Protein backbone atom coordinates (compact mmCIF):
# COMPACT_ATOMS: atom_id res chain seq x y z
CA MET A 1 -70.88 -43.29 1.65
CA LEU A 2 -73.34 -45.95 2.77
CA TYR A 3 -71.53 -46.22 6.12
CA ALA A 4 -71.89 -42.47 6.71
CA LEU A 5 -75.62 -42.62 5.91
CA LEU A 6 -76.16 -45.56 8.26
CA VAL A 7 -74.24 -43.91 11.09
CA GLY A 8 -76.15 -40.67 10.43
CA LEU A 9 -79.41 -42.59 10.61
CA VAL A 10 -78.48 -44.16 13.95
CA ILE A 11 -77.37 -40.82 15.39
CA GLY A 12 -80.52 -39.06 14.16
CA VAL A 13 -82.82 -41.77 15.53
CA VAL A 14 -81.12 -41.75 18.95
CA ALA A 15 -81.19 -37.93 19.14
CA GLY A 16 -84.84 -37.84 18.07
CA TRP A 17 -85.67 -40.45 20.70
CA LEU A 18 -83.83 -38.48 23.40
CA MET A 19 -85.68 -35.30 22.44
CA LYS A 20 -89.00 -37.20 22.11
CA LEU A 21 -89.45 -36.34 18.42
CA ASN A 22 -90.75 -38.56 15.65
CA LEU A 23 -88.53 -37.92 12.64
CA GLY A 24 -88.65 -39.72 9.32
CA ILE A 25 -85.74 -41.64 7.86
CA VAL A 26 -84.53 -38.79 5.64
CA TRP A 27 -84.64 -36.19 8.43
CA SER A 28 -82.95 -38.62 10.81
CA ILE A 29 -80.08 -39.04 8.36
CA VAL A 30 -79.81 -35.28 7.78
CA LEU A 31 -79.90 -34.65 11.53
CA GLY A 32 -77.30 -37.33 12.16
CA LEU A 33 -74.90 -35.94 9.56
CA ALA A 34 -75.35 -32.37 10.82
CA GLY A 35 -75.05 -33.57 14.41
CA SER A 36 -71.78 -35.34 13.63
CA ALA A 37 -70.33 -32.12 12.24
CA VAL A 38 -71.56 -30.00 15.15
CA GLY A 39 -70.52 -32.60 17.73
CA GLY A 40 -67.04 -32.91 16.24
CA PHE A 41 -66.65 -29.13 16.27
CA VAL A 42 -67.93 -28.72 19.85
CA PHE A 43 -65.83 -31.59 21.20
CA GLY A 44 -62.77 -30.15 19.43
CA GLN A 45 -63.37 -26.69 20.93
CA LEU A 46 -63.64 -28.26 24.38
CA GLY A 47 -60.38 -30.14 23.86
CA LEU A 48 -62.09 -33.54 23.90
CA GLN A 49 -61.10 -36.31 21.54
CA THR A 50 -63.20 -39.28 20.54
CA TYR A 51 -61.91 -42.60 19.31
CA GLY A 52 -63.60 -45.38 17.43
CA VAL A 53 -67.18 -45.91 16.44
CA LEU A 54 -68.57 -45.43 19.95
CA GLY A 55 -66.82 -42.09 20.35
CA SER A 56 -68.15 -40.94 16.99
CA LEU A 57 -71.67 -41.99 17.95
CA VAL A 58 -71.48 -40.16 21.28
CA SER A 59 -70.16 -36.92 19.78
CA GLY A 60 -72.69 -37.18 16.93
CA VAL A 61 -75.63 -37.66 19.28
CA VAL A 62 -74.50 -34.74 21.46
CA GLY A 63 -74.21 -32.57 18.34
CA ALA A 64 -77.60 -33.69 17.01
CA VAL A 65 -79.29 -32.92 20.33
CA LEU A 66 -77.68 -29.47 20.25
CA VAL A 67 -78.96 -28.95 16.70
CA LEU A 68 -82.49 -29.99 17.72
CA PHE A 69 -82.36 -27.72 20.77
CA ILE A 70 -81.19 -24.70 18.78
CA VAL A 71 -83.70 -25.27 15.98
CA GLY A 72 -86.46 -25.63 18.57
CA LYS A 73 -85.51 -22.33 20.20
CA ILE A 74 -85.36 -20.53 16.86
CA ARG A 75 -88.74 -21.88 15.79
CA GLY A 76 -90.22 -21.09 19.21
CA ARG A 77 -91.02 -24.67 20.13
CA ARG A 78 -90.02 -26.67 23.12
CA ALA A 79 -87.21 -28.97 22.06
């Protein structure tokens, strides 16, 4: 459980940094966990497989950036 929260935090912080957003710790963790789910789904649909911690981080960050982009479009903000 703690490992998932820490990985979620790292993914959320990296995605927030890439999208130039200042997110708090809680939102970074939530974003990271959601991004991991979205990234795993998208990579699976594209036929891509990830291995190890680095692969999980990459797919999670890609998913989190997609989540931020979609939320930004829905809310009418530039994301």
